[in-house]
Amino acid sequence: MHPKIFILILFGAVLTAGCGEKQEKLLIDEDKLVNILAEVHMAEGEMETVNMSDRDTLGKSLYQLIMTHYGVRREDFDQTMIILREDPDRLERVYEKVLDKLSKIQAQYPDKN
């Protein structure tokens, strides 16, 4: 085989091998992330009832409590969310699970709708 043809074939193989992108590993287990996100969204909903001047302080405290409860560093949570934003299909799958979890929680408290 001619060396130029071999190089072209090799180059093409390398290019096509890169097309099947692997998903970047999340720093937080997906099931744990779903629980964290559900709690974050519930906390944000509760913060809507708080005076605007207190929301920032309360928000930081609630986020820290949630992260501590799940044994997660805020930096790892933020990086995990960056990874997910770069993969919209995966982000959508995670949020479908979050919405399902929130719906189940809401169903437990029918009078609070």
PDB file of N, CA and C in Angstrom:
ATOM      1  N   MET A   1       0.852  -1.171   0.000  1.00  0.00           N
ATOM      2  CA  MET A   1       0.000   0.000   0.000  1.00  0.00           C
ATOM      3  C   MET A   1       0.896   1.232   0.000  1.00  0.00           C
ATOM      4  N   HIS A   2       0.493   2.197  -0.762  1.00  0.00           N
ATOM      5  CA  HIS A   2       1.246   3.434  -0.874  1.00  0.00           C
ATOM      6  C   HIS A   2       1.198   4.171   0.474  1.00  0.00           C
ATOM      7  N   PRO A   3       2.322   4.730   0.952  1.00  0.00           N
ATOM      8  CA  PRO A   3       2.352   5.382   2.263  1.00  0.00           C
ATOM      9  C   PRO A   3       1.339   6.527   2.406  1.00  0.00           C
ATOM     10  N   LYS A   4       1.111   7.290   1.342  1.00  0.00           N
ATOM     11  CA  LYS A   4       0.161   8.407   1.435  1.00  0.00           C
ATOM     12  C   LYS A   4      -1.263   7.895   1.639  1.00  0.00           C
ATOM     13  N   ILE A   5      -1.608   6.816   0.952  1.00  0.00           N
ATOM     14  CA  ILE A   5      -2.945   6.241   1.107  1.00  0.00           C
ATOM     15  C   ILE A   5      -3.108   5.695   2.527  1.00  0.00           C
ATOM     16  N   PHE A   6      -2.073   5.032   3.017  1.00  0.00           N
ATOM     17  CA  PHE A   6      -2.115   4.496   4.374  1.00  0.00           C
ATOM     18  C   PHE A   6      -2.316   5.619   5.393  1.00  0.00           C
ATOM     19  N   ILE A   7      -1.605   6.719   5.221  1.00  0.00           N
ATOM     20  CA  ILE A   7      -1.732   7.859   6.135  1.00  0.00           C
ATOM     21  C   ILE A   7      -3.142   8.444   6.066  1.00  0.00           C
ATOM     22  N   LEU A   8      -3.700   8.560   4.858  1.00  0.00           N
ATOM     23  CA  LEU A   8      -5.060   9.078   4.708  1.00  0.00           C
ATOM     24  C   LEU A   8      -6.082   8.167   5.391  1.00  0.00           C
ATOM     25  N   ILE A   9      -5.919   6.866   5.222  1.00  0.00           N
ATOM     26  CA  ILE A   9      -6.831   5.913   5.863  1.00  0.00           C
ATOM     27  C   ILE A   9      -6.702   6.003   7.383  1.00  0.00           C
ATOM     28  N   LEU A  10      -5.476   6.063   7.871  1.00  0.00           N
ATOM     29  CA  LEU A  10      -5.234   6.173   9.308  1.00  0.00           C
ATOM     30  C   LEU A  10      -5.831   7.470   9.857  1.00  0.00           C
ATOM     31  N   PHE A  11      -5.625   8.572   9.139  1.00  0.00           N
ATOM     32  CA  PHE A  11      -6.165   9.867   9.546  1.00  0.00           C
ATOM     33  C   PHE A  11      -7.696   9.819   9.597  1.00  0.00           C
ATOM     34  N   GLY A  12      -8.318   9.214   8.594  1.00  0.00           N
ATOM     35  CA  GLY A  12      -9.775   9.075   8.565  1.00  0.00           C
ATOM     36  C   GLY A  12     -10.283   8.238   9.725  1.00  0.00           C
ATOM     37  N   ALA A  13      -9.564   7.173  10.043  1.00  0.00           N
ATOM     38  CA  ALA A  13      -9.965   6.313  11.156  1.00  0.00           C
ATOM     39  C   ALA A  13      -9.893   7.063  12.481  1.00  0.00           C
ATOM     40  N   VAL A  14      -8.859   7.865  12.644  1.00  0.00           N
ATOM     41  CA  VAL A  14      -8.713   8.652  13.869  1.00  0.00           C
ATOM     42  C   VAL A  14      -9.847   9.667  13.984  1.00  0.00           C
ATOM     43  N   LEU A  15     -10.180  10.317  12.879  1.00  0.00           N
ATOM     44  CA  LEU A  15     -11.259  11.308  12.891  1.00  0.00           C
ATOM     45  C   LEU A  15     -12.601  10.679  13.224  1.00  0.00           C
ATOM     46  N   THR A  16     -12.903   9.540  12.627  1.00  0.00           N
ATOM     47  CA  THR A  16     -14.198   8.910  12.893  1.00  0.00           C
ATOM     48  C   THR A  16     -14.250   8.309  14.290  1.00  0.00           C
ATOM     49  N   ALA A  17     -13.124   7.911  14.826  1.00  0.00           N
ATOM     50  CA  ALA A  17     -13.106   7.378  16.187  1.00  0.00           C
ATOM     51  C   ALA A  17     -13.467   8.463  17.186  1.00  0.00           C
ATOM     52  N   GLY A  18     -13.115   9.703  16.894  1.00  0.00           N
ATOM     53  CA  GLY A  18     -13.436  10.808  17.782  1.00  0.00           C
ATOM     54  C   GLY A  18     -14.884  11.231  17.717  1.00  0.00           C
ATOM     55  N   CYS A  19     -15.623  10.764  16.723  1.00  0.00           N
ATOM     56  CA  CYS A  19     -17.019  11.172  16.563  1.00  0.00           C
ATOM     57  C   CYS A  19     -17.923  10.558  17.622  1.00  0.00           C
ATOM     58  N   GLY A  20     -17.613   9.387  18.087  1.00  0.00           N
ATOM     59  CA  GLY A  20     -18.425   8.747  19.118  1.00  0.00           C
ATOM     60  C   GLY A  20     -18.020   9.264  20.484  1.00  0.00           C
ATOM     61  N   GLU A  21     -18.418  10.493  20.796  1.00  0.00           N
ATOM     62  CA  GLU A  21     -18.008  11.132  22.038  1.00  0.00           C
ATOM     63  C   GLU A  21     -18.515  10.352  23.245  1.00  0.00           C
ATOM     64  N   LYS A  22     -17.637  10.209  24.222  1.00  0.00           N
ATOM     65  CA  LYS A  22     -18.023   9.580  25.472  1.00  0.00           C
ATOM     66  C   LYS A  22     -18.578  10.658  26.390  1.00  0.00           C
ATOM     67  N   GLN A  23     -19.560  10.267  27.195  1.00  0.00           N
ATOM     68  CA  GLN A  23     -20.096  11.209  28.165  1.00  0.00           C
ATOM     69  C   GLN A  23     -19.069  11.417  29.262  1.00  0.00           C
ATOM     70  N   GLU A  24     -18.875  12.681  29.606  1.00  0.00           N
ATOM     71  CA  GLU A  24     -17.964  12.986  30.698  1.00  0.00           C
ATOM     72  C   GLU A  24     -18.589  12.496  31.997  1.00  0.00           C
ATOM     73  N   LYS A  25     -17.778  11.891  32.843  1.00  0.00           N
ATOM     74  CA  LYS A  25     -18.273  11.347  34.108  1.00  0.00           C
ATOM     75  C   LYS A  25     -18.684  12.487  35.028  1.00  0.00           C
ATOM     76  N   LEU A  26     -19.869  12.345  35.608  1.00  0.00           N
ATOM     77  CA  LEU A  26     -20.351  13.337  36.564  1.00  0.00           C
ATOM     78  C   LEU A  26     -19.614  13.169  37.887  1.00  0.00           C
ATOM     79  N   LEU A  27     -19.371  14.267  38.569  1.00  0.00           N
ATOM     80  CA  LEU A  27     -18.683  14.218  39.855  1.00  0.00           C
ATOM     81  C   LEU A  27     -19.612  13.750  40.975  1.00  0.00           C
ATOM     82  N   ILE A  28     -20.914  13.820  40.713  1.00  0.00           N
ATOM     83  CA  ILE A  28     -21.917  13.399  41.686  1.00  0.00           C
ATOM     84  C   ILE A  28     -22.756  12.298  41.041  1.00  0.00           C
ATOM     85  N   ASP A  29     -22.982  11.232  41.777  1.00  0.00           N
ATOM     86  CA  ASP A  29     -23.830  10.138  41.306  1.00  0.00           C
ATOM     87  C   ASP A  29     -25.178  10.701  40.853  1.00  0.00           C
ATOM     88  N   GLU A  30     -25.682  10.213  39.725  1.00  0.00           N
ATOM     89  CA  GLU A  30     -26.904  10.776  39.141  1.00  0.00           C
ATOM     90  C   GLU A  30     -28.107  10.695  40.083  1.00  0.00           C
ATOM     91  N   ASP A  31     -28.271   9.587  40.795  1.00  0.00           N
ATOM     92  CA  ASP A  31     -29.400   9.468  41.726  1.00  0.00           C
ATOM     93  C   ASP A  31     -29.292  10.497  42.852  1.00  0.00           C
ATOM     94  N   LYS A  32     -28.086  10.672  43.356  1.00  0.00           N
ATOM     95  CA  LYS A  32     -27.864  11.671  44.400  1.00  0.00           C
ATOM     96  C   LYS A  32     -28.121  13.070  43.845  1.00  0.00           C
ATOM     97  N   LEU A  33     -27.683  13.308  42.617  1.00  0.00           N
ATOM     98  CA  LEU A  33     -27.885  14.605  41.979  1.00  0.00           C
ATOM     99  C   LEU A  33     -29.371  14.914  41.827  1.00  0.00           C
ATOM    100  N   VAL A  34     -30.158  13.920  41.445  1.00  0.00           N
ATOM    101  CA  VAL A  34     -31.607  14.106  41.303  1.00  0.00           C
ATOM    102  C   VAL A  34     -32.202  14.536  42.646  1.00  0.00           C
ATOM    103  N   ASN A  35     -31.794  13.886  43.727  1.00  0.00           N
ATOM    104  CA  ASN A  35     -32.289  14.256  45.057  1.00  0.00           C
ATOM    105  C   ASN A  35     -31.876  15.675  45.429  1.00  0.00           C
ATOM    106  N   ILE A  36     -30.629  16.012  45.151  1.00  0.00           N
ATOM    107  CA  ILE A  36     -30.134  17.360  45.459  1.00  0.00           C
ATOM    108  C   ILE A  36     -30.926  18.408  44.680  1.00  0.00           C
ATOM    109  N   LEU A  37     -31.086  18.180  43.377  1.00  0.00           N
ATOM    110  CA  LEU A  37     -31.796  19.150  42.545  1.00  0.00           C
ATOM    111  C   LEU A  37     -33.250  19.305  42.981  1.00  0.00           C
ATOM    112  N   ALA A  38     -33.879  18.210  43.356  1.00  0.00           N
ATOM    113  CA  ALA A  38     -35.264  18.293  43.829  1.00  0.00           C
ATOM    114  C   ALA A  38     -35.334  19.148  45.091  1.00  0.00           C
ATOM    115  N   GLU A  39     -34.417  18.923  46.014  1.00  0.00           N
ATOM    116  CA  GLU A  39     -34.414  19.714  47.249  1.00  0.00           C
ATOM    117  C   GLU A  39     -34.080  21.175  46.975  1.00  0.00           C
ATOM    118  N   VAL A  40     -33.165  21.418  46.054  1.00  0.00           N
ATOM    119  CA  VAL A  40     -32.822  22.800  45.693  1.00  0.00           C
ATOM    120  C   VAL A  40     -34.053  23.513  45.143  1.00  0.00           C
ATOM    121  N   HIS A  41     -34.789  22.852  44.276  1.00  0.00           N
ATOM    122  CA  HIS A  41     -35.977  23.480  43.694  1.00  0.00           C
ATOM    123  C   HIS A  41     -37.067  23.703  44.741  1.00  0.00           C
ATOM    124  N   MET A  42     -37.203  22.782  45.683  1.00  0.00           N
ATOM    125  CA  MET A  42     -38.174  22.997  46.757  1.00  0.00           C
ATOM    126  C   MET A  42     -37.745  24.175  47.631  1.00  0.00           C
ATOM    127  N   ALA A  43     -36.448  24.260  47.915  1.00  0.00           N
ATOM    128  CA  ALA A  43     -35.935  25.375  48.720  1.00  0.00           C
ATOM    129  C   ALA A  43     -36.156  26.701  48.003  1.00  0.00           C
ATOM    130  N   GLU A  44     -35.912  26.719  46.699  1.00  0.00           N
ATOM    131  CA  GLU A  44     -36.124  27.948  45.931  1.00  0.00           C
ATOM    132  C   GLU A  44     -37.594  28.353  45.951  1.00  0.00           C
ATOM    133  N   GLY A  45     -38.484  27.377  45.913  1.00  0.00           N
ATOM    134  CA  GLY A  45     -39.910  27.673  46.003  1.00  0.00           C
ATOM    135  C   GLY A  45     -40.275  28.286  47.343  1.00  0.00           C
ATOM    136  N   GLU A  46     -39.692  27.761  48.400  1.00  0.00           N
ATOM    137  CA  GLU A  46     -39.948  28.308  49.736  1.00  0.00           C
ATOM    138  C   GLU A  46     -39.374  29.713  49.877  1.00  0.00           C
ATOM    139  N   MET A  47     -38.265  29.975  49.216  1.00  0.00           N
ATOM    140  CA  MET A  47     -37.640  31.303  49.314  1.00  0.00           C
ATOM    141  C   MET A  47     -38.502  32.387  48.686  1.00  0.00           C
ATOM    142  N   GLU A  48     -39.423  31.998  47.820  1.00  0.00           N
ATOM    143  CA  GLU A  48     -40.322  32.981  47.205  1.00  0.00           C
ATOM    144  C   GLU A  48     -41.209  33.651  48.251  1.00  0.00           C
ATOM    145  N   THR A  49     -41.390  32.991  49.394  1.00  0.00           N
ATOM    146  CA  THR A  49     -42.245  33.547  50.443  1.00  0.00           C
ATOM    147  C   THR A  49     -41.476  34.449  51.402  1.00  0.00           C
ATOM    148  N   VAL A  50     -40.175  34.553  51.226  1.00  0.00           N
ATOM    149  CA  VAL A  50     -39.311  35.323  52.121  1.00  0.00           C
ATOM    150  C   VAL A  50     -39.099  36.722  51.549  1.00  0.00           C
ATOM    151  N   ASN A  51     -38.914  37.687  52.436  1.00  0.00           N
ATOM    152  CA  ASN A  51     -38.608  39.050  51.994  1.00  0.00           C
ATOM    153  C   ASN A  51     -37.398  39.045  51.077  1.00  0.00           C
ATOM    154  N   MET A  52     -37.453  39.885  50.061  1.00  0.00           N
ATOM    155  CA  MET A  52     -36.381  39.959  49.068  1.00  0.00           C
ATOM    156  C   MET A  52     -35.019  40.210  49.726  1.00  0.00           C
ATOM    157  N   SER A  53     -34.979  41.030  50.751  1.00  0.00           N
ATOM    158  CA  SER A  53     -33.703  41.371  51.392  1.00  0.00           C
ATOM    159  C   SER A  53     -33.071  40.174  52.098  1.00  0.00           C
ATOM    160  N   ASP A  54     -33.878  39.184  52.463  1.00  0.00           N
ATOM    161  CA  ASP A  54     -33.359  38.010  53.177  1.00  0.00           C
ATOM    162  C   ASP A  54     -33.068  36.829  52.257  1.00  0.00           C
ATOM    163  N   ARG A  55     -33.502  36.886  51.020  1.00  0.00           N
ATOM    164  CA  ARG A  55     -33.400  35.732  50.121  1.00  0.00           C
ATOM    165  C   ARG A  55     -31.967  35.291  49.859  1.00  0.00           C
ATOM    166  N   ASP A  56     -31.080  36.231  49.625  1.00  0.00           N
ATOM    167  CA  ASP A  56     -29.701  35.870  49.291  1.00  0.00           C
ATOM    168  C   ASP A  56     -29.050  35.106  50.435  1.00  0.00           C
ATOM    169  N   THR A  57     -29.182  35.641  51.637  1.00  0.00           N
ATOM    170  CA  THR A  57     -28.590  34.992  52.811  1.00  0.00           C
ATOM    171  C   THR A  57     -29.227  33.633  53.060  1.00  0.00           C
ATOM    172  N   LEU A  58     -30.550  33.594  53.006  1.00  0.00           N
ATOM    173  CA  LEU A  58     -31.260  32.334  53.221  1.00  0.00           C
ATOM    174  C   LEU A  58     -30.908  31.323  52.138  1.00  0.00           C
ATOM    175  N   GLY A  59     -30.840  31.786  50.899  1.00  0.00           N
ATOM    176  CA  GLY A  59     -30.507  30.898  49.787  1.00  0.00           C
ATOM    177  C   GLY A  59     -29.154  30.236  49.969  1.00  0.00           C
ATOM    178  N   LYS A  60     -28.162  31.029  50.335  1.00  0.00           N
ATOM    179  CA  LYS A  60     -26.817  30.472  50.557  1.00  0.00           C
ATOM    180  C   LYS A  60     -26.837  29.441  51.676  1.00  0.00           C
ATOM    181  N   SER A  61     -27.567  29.750  52.743  1.00  0.00           N
ATOM    182  CA  SER A  61     -27.648  28.817  53.872  1.00  0.00           C
ATOM    183  C   SER A  61     -28.340  27.517  53.471  1.00  0.00           C
ATOM    184  N   LEU A  62     -29.443  27.635  52.733  1.00  0.00           N
ATOM    185  CA  LEU A  62     -30.167  26.433  52.310  1.00  0.00           C
ATOM    186  C   LEU A  62     -29.331  25.573  51.372  1.00  0.00           C
ATOM    187  N   TYR A  63     -28.655  26.211  50.413  1.00  0.00           N
ATOM    188  CA  TYR A  63     -27.788  25.452  49.508  1.00  0.00           C
ATOM    189  C   TYR A  63     -26.720  24.715  50.308  1.00  0.00           C
ATOM    190  N   GLN A  64     -26.112  25.406  51.269  1.00  0.00           N
ATOM    191  CA  GLN A  64     -25.059  24.779  52.067  1.00  0.00           C
ATOM    192  C   GLN A  64     -25.613  23.608  52.870  1.00  0.00           C
ATOM    193  N   LEU A  65     -26.796  23.769  53.443  1.00  0.00           N
ATOM    194  CA  LEU A  65     -27.420  22.671  54.198  1.00  0.00           C
ATOM    195  C   LEU A  65     -27.683  21.460  53.305  1.00  0.00           C
ATOM    196  N   ILE A  66     -28.187  21.712  52.115  1.00  0.00           N
ATOM    197  CA  ILE A  66     -28.481  20.613  51.186  1.00  0.00           C
ATOM    198  C   ILE A  66     -27.192  19.901  50.786  1.00  0.00           C
ATOM    199  N   MET A  67     -26.165  20.668  50.441  1.00  0.00           N
ATOM    200  CA  MET A  67     -24.888  20.067  50.031  1.00  0.00           C
ATOM    201  C   MET A  67     -24.284  19.264  51.181  1.00  0.00           C
ATOM    202  N   THR A  68     -24.340  19.821  52.388  1.00  0.00           N
ATOM    203  CA  THR A  68     -23.802  19.130  53.560  1.00  0.00           C
ATOM    204  C   THR A  68     -24.584  17.844  53.826  1.00  0.00           C
ATOM    205  N   HIS A  69     -25.899  17.918  53.719  1.00  0.00           N
ATOM    206  CA  HIS A  69     -26.745  16.738  53.950  1.00  0.00           C
ATOM    207  C   HIS A  69     -26.347  15.585  53.023  1.00  0.00           C
ATOM    208  N   TYR A  70     -26.019  15.899  51.784  1.00  0.00           N
ATOM    209  CA  TYR A  70     -25.660  14.859  50.813  1.00  0.00           C
ATOM    210  C   TYR A  70     -24.155  14.616  50.728  1.00  0.00           C
ATOM    211  N   GLY A  71     -23.375  15.311  51.543  1.00  0.00           N
ATOM    212  CA  GLY A  71     -21.928  15.109  51.544  1.00  0.00           C
ATOM    213  C   GLY A  71     -21.267  15.530  50.246  1.00  0.00           C
ATOM    214  N   VAL A  72     -21.748  16.637  49.678  1.00  0.00           N
ATOM    215  CA  VAL A  72     -21.259  17.114  48.383  1.00  0.00           C
ATOM    216  C   VAL A  72     -20.667  18.511  48.545  1.00  0.00           C
ATOM    217  N   ARG A  73     -19.528  18.727  47.919  1.00  0.00           N
ATOM    218  CA  ARG A  73     -18.939  20.070  47.911  1.00  0.00           C
ATOM    219  C   ARG A  73     -19.641  20.920  46.858  1.00  0.00           C
ATOM    220  N   ARG A  74     -19.832  22.177  47.157  1.00  0.00           N
ATOM    221  CA  ARG A  74     -20.512  23.075  46.214  1.00  0.00           C
ATOM    222  C   ARG A  74     -19.764  23.118  44.885  1.00  0.00           C
ATOM    223  N   GLU A  75     -18.429  23.059  44.931  1.00  0.00           N
ATOM    224  CA  GLU A  75     -17.627  23.088  43.709  1.00  0.00           C
ATOM    225  C   GLU A  75     -17.937  21.884  42.827  1.00  0.00           C
ATOM    226  N   ASP A  76     -18.114  20.718  43.448  1.00  0.00           N
ATOM    227  CA  ASP A  76     -18.442  19.507  42.684  1.00  0.00           C
ATOM    228  C   ASP A  76     -19.840  19.611  42.075  1.00  0.00           C
ATOM    229  N   PHE A  77     -20.763  20.187  42.828  1.00  0.00           N
ATOM    230  CA  PHE A  77     -22.116  20.395  42.312  1.00  0.00           C
ATOM    231  C   PHE A  77     -22.076  21.334  41.108  1.00  0.00           C
ATOM    232  N   ASP A  78     -21.369  22.452  41.254  1.00  0.00           N
ATOM    233  CA  ASP A  78     -21.284  23.427  40.159  1.00  0.00           C
ATOM    234  C   ASP A  78     -20.640  22.812  38.919  1.00  0.00           C
ATOM    235  N   GLN A  79     -19.569  22.048  39.113  1.00  0.00           N
ATOM    236  CA  GLN A  79     -18.885  21.419  37.978  1.00  0.00           C
ATOM    237  C   GLN A  79     -19.780  20.370  37.315  1.00  0.00           C
ATOM    238  N   THR A  80     -20.536  19.633  38.114  1.00  0.00           N
ATOM    239  CA  THR A  80     -21.468  18.646  37.568  1.00  0.00           C
ATOM    240  C   THR A  80     -22.519  19.328  36.703  1.00  0.00           C
ATOM    241  N   MET A  81     -23.011  20.469  37.154  1.00  0.00           N
ATOM    242  CA  MET A  81     -24.009  21.205  36.375  1.00  0.00           C
ATOM    243  C   MET A  81     -23.407  21.746  35.076  1.00  0.00           C
ATOM    244  N   ILE A  82     -22.148  22.140  35.103  1.00  0.00           N
ATOM    245  CA  ILE A  82     -21.470  22.592  33.876  1.00  0.00           C
ATOM    246  C   ILE A  82     -21.383  21.441  32.883  1.00  0.00           C
ATOM    247  N   ILE A  83     -21.004  20.264  33.370  1.00  0.00           N
ATOM    248  CA  ILE A  83     -20.912  19.079  32.510  1.00  0.00           C
ATOM    249  C   ILE A  83     -22.278  18.788  31.879  1.00  0.00           C
ATOM    250  N   LEU A  84     -23.327  18.870  32.675  1.00  0.00           N
ATOM    251  CA  LEU A  84     -24.669  18.583  32.161  1.00  0.00           C
ATOM    252  C   LEU A  84     -25.132  19.628  31.149  1.00  0.00           C
ATOM    253  N   ARG A  85     -24.804  20.890  31.381  1.00  0.00           N
ATOM    254  CA  ARG A  85     -25.207  21.937  30.431  1.00  0.00           C
ATOM    255  C   ARG A  85     -24.561  21.736  29.066  1.00  0.00           C
ATOM    256  N   GLU A  86     -23.415  21.087  29.050  1.00  0.00           N
ATOM    257  CA  GLU A  86     -22.723  20.821  27.787  1.00  0.00           C
ATOM    258  C   GLU A  86     -23.301  19.601  27.069  1.00  0.00           C
ATOM    259  N   ASP A  87     -24.213  18.887  27.720  1.00  0.00           N
ATOM    260  CA  ASP A  87     -24.855  17.699  27.151  1.00  0.00           C
ATOM    261  C   ASP A  87     -26.368  17.815  27.378  1.00  0.00           C
ATOM    262  N   PRO A  88     -27.056  18.615  26.540  1.00  0.00           N
ATOM    263  CA  PRO A  88     -28.479  18.905  26.760  1.00  0.00           C
ATOM    264  C   PRO A  88     -29.373  17.666  26.870  1.00  0.00           C
ATOM    265  N   ASP A  89     -29.089  16.622  26.099  1.00  0.00           N
ATOM    266  CA  ASP A  89     -29.913  15.409  26.177  1.00  0.00           C
ATOM    267  C   ASP A  89     -29.805  14.773  27.561  1.00  0.00           C
ATOM    268  N   ARG A  90     -28.603  14.722  28.066  1.00  0.00           N
ATOM    269  CA  ARG A  90     -28.368  14.149  29.389  1.00  0.00           C
ATOM    270  C   ARG A  90     -29.008  15.030  30.471  1.00  0.00           C
ATOM    271  N   LEU A  91     -28.878  16.339  30.315  1.00  0.00           N
ATOM    272  CA  LEU A  91     -29.493  17.268  31.258  1.00  0.00           C
ATOM    273  C   LEU A  91     -31.005  17.073  31.284  1.00  0.00           C
ATOM    274  N   GLU A  92     -31.588  16.897  30.114  1.00  0.00           N
ATOM    275  CA  GLU A  92     -33.033  16.679  30.023  1.00  0.00           C
ATOM    276  C   GLU A  92     -33.436  15.389  30.736  1.00  0.00           C
ATOM    277  N   ARG A  93     -32.650  14.324  30.566  1.00  0.00           N
ATOM    278  CA  ARG A  93     -32.956  13.053  31.239  1.00  0.00           C
ATOM    279  C   ARG A  93     -32.902  13.212  32.763  1.00  0.00           C
ATOM    280  N   VAL A  94     -31.894  13.942  33.237  1.00  0.00           N
ATOM    281  CA  VAL A  94     -31.773  14.160  34.683  1.00  0.00           C
ATOM    282  C   VAL A  94     -32.975  14.952  35.186  1.00  0.00           C
ATOM    283  N   TYR A  95     -33.332  16.008  34.454  1.00  0.00           N
ATOM    284  CA  TYR A  95     -34.449  16.840  34.909  1.00  0.00           C
ATOM    285  C   TYR A  95     -35.795  16.135  34.787  1.00  0.00           C
ATOM    286  N   GLU A  96     -35.927  15.182  33.897  1.00  0.00           N
ATOM    287  CA  GLU A  96     -37.149  14.371  33.866  1.00  0.00           C
ATOM    288  C   GLU A  96     -37.278  13.591  35.172  1.00  0.00           C
ATOM    289  N   LYS A  97     -36.153  13.087  35.663  1.00  0.00           N
ATOM    290  CA  LYS A  97     -36.158  12.365  36.940  1.00  0.00           C
ATOM    291  C   LYS A  97     -36.458  13.311  38.097  1.00  0.00           C
ATOM    292  N   VAL A  98     -35.909  14.530  38.031  1.00  0.00           N
ATOM    293  CA  VAL A  98     -36.172  15.522  39.078  1.00  0.00           C
ATOM    294  C   VAL A  98     -37.665  15.856  39.106  1.00  0.00           C
ATOM    295  N   LEU A  99     -38.238  16.107  37.933  1.00  0.00           N
ATOM    296  CA  LEU A  99     -39.669  16.430  37.864  1.00  0.00           C
ATOM    297  C   LEU A  99     -40.529  15.279  38.363  1.00  0.00           C
ATOM    298  N   ASP A 100     -40.130  14.053  38.040  1.00  0.00           N
ATOM    299  CA  ASP A 100     -40.855  12.880  38.524  1.00  0.00           C
ATOM    300  C   ASP A 100     -40.804  12.824  40.050  1.00  0.00           C
ATOM    301  N   LYS A 101     -39.630  13.068  40.605  1.00  0.00           N
ATOM    302  CA  LYS A 101     -39.471  13.054  42.062  1.00  0.00           C
ATOM    303  C   LYS A 101     -40.314  14.154  42.709  1.00  0.00           C
ATOM    304  N   LEU A 102     -40.282  15.353  42.134  1.00  0.00           N
ATOM    305  CA  LEU A 102     -41.070  16.457  42.684  1.00  0.00           C
ATOM    306  C   LEU A 102     -42.569  16.168  42.594  1.00  0.00           C
ATOM    307  N   SER A 103     -42.990  15.531  41.514  1.00  0.00           N
ATOM    308  CA  SER A 103     -44.408  15.165  41.364  1.00  0.00           C
ATOM    309  C   SER A 103     -44.827  14.165  42.434  1.00  0.00           C
ATOM    310  N   LYS A 104     -43.958  13.206  42.727  1.00  0.00           N
ATOM    311  CA  LYS A 104     -44.261  12.216  43.769  1.00  0.00           C
ATOM    312  C   LYS A 104     -44.343  12.881  45.140  1.00  0.00           C
ATOM    313  N   ILE A 105     -43.445  13.820  45.394  1.00  0.00           N
ATOM    314  CA  ILE A 105     -43.473  14.537  46.674  1.00  0.00           C
ATOM    315  C   ILE A 105     -44.753  15.360  46.775  1.00  0.00           C
ATOM    316  N   GLN A 106     -45.088  16.049  45.698  1.00  0.00           N
ATOM    317  CA  GLN A 106     -46.295  16.872  45.693  1.00  0.00           C
ATOM    318  C   GLN A 106     -47.544  16.020  45.909  1.00  0.00           C
ATOM    319  N   ALA A 107     -47.564  14.825  45.354  1.00  0.00           N
ATOM    320  CA  ALA A 107     -48.718  13.936  45.502  1.00  0.00           C
ATOM    321  C   ALA A 107     -48.921  13.510  46.957  1.00  0.00           C
ATOM    322  N   GLN A 108     -47.861  13.543  47.754  1.00  0.00           N
ATOM    323  CA  GLN A 108     -47.970  13.185  49.170  1.00  0.00           C
ATOM    324  C   GLN A 108     -48.680  14.271  49.976  1.00  0.00           C
ATOM    325  N   TYR A 109     -48.740  15.483  49.419  1.00  0.00           N
ATOM    326  CA  TYR A 109     -49.338  16.626  50.111  1.00  0.00           C
ATOM    327  C   TYR A 109     -50.399  17.277  49.223  1.00  0.00           C
ATOM    328  N   PRO A 110     -51.512  16.582  49.000  1.00  0.00           N
ATOM    329  CA  PRO A 110     -52.511  17.087  48.051  1.00  0.00           C
ATOM    330  C   PRO A 110     -53.135  18.423  48.457  1.00  0.00           C
ATOM    331  N   ASP A 111     -53.192  18.741  49.744  1.00  0.00           N
ATOM    332  CA  ASP A 111     -53.802  19.994  50.191  1.00  0.00           C
ATOM    333  C   ASP A 111     -52.902  21.200  49.953  1.00  0.00           C
ATOM    334  N   LYS A 112     -51.641  20.987  49.665  1.00  0.00           N
ATOM    335  CA  LYS A 112     -50.686  22.085  49.485  1.00  0.00           C
ATOM    336  C   LYS A 112     -50.598  22.552  48.044  1.00  0.00           C
ATOM    337  N   ASN A 113     -51.391  21.990  47.138  1.00  0.00           N
ATOM    338  CA  ASN A 113     -51.334  22.390  45.729  1.00  0.00           C
ATOM    339  C   ASN A 113     -51.809  23.778  45.655  1.00  0.00           C
TER     340      ASN A 113
END
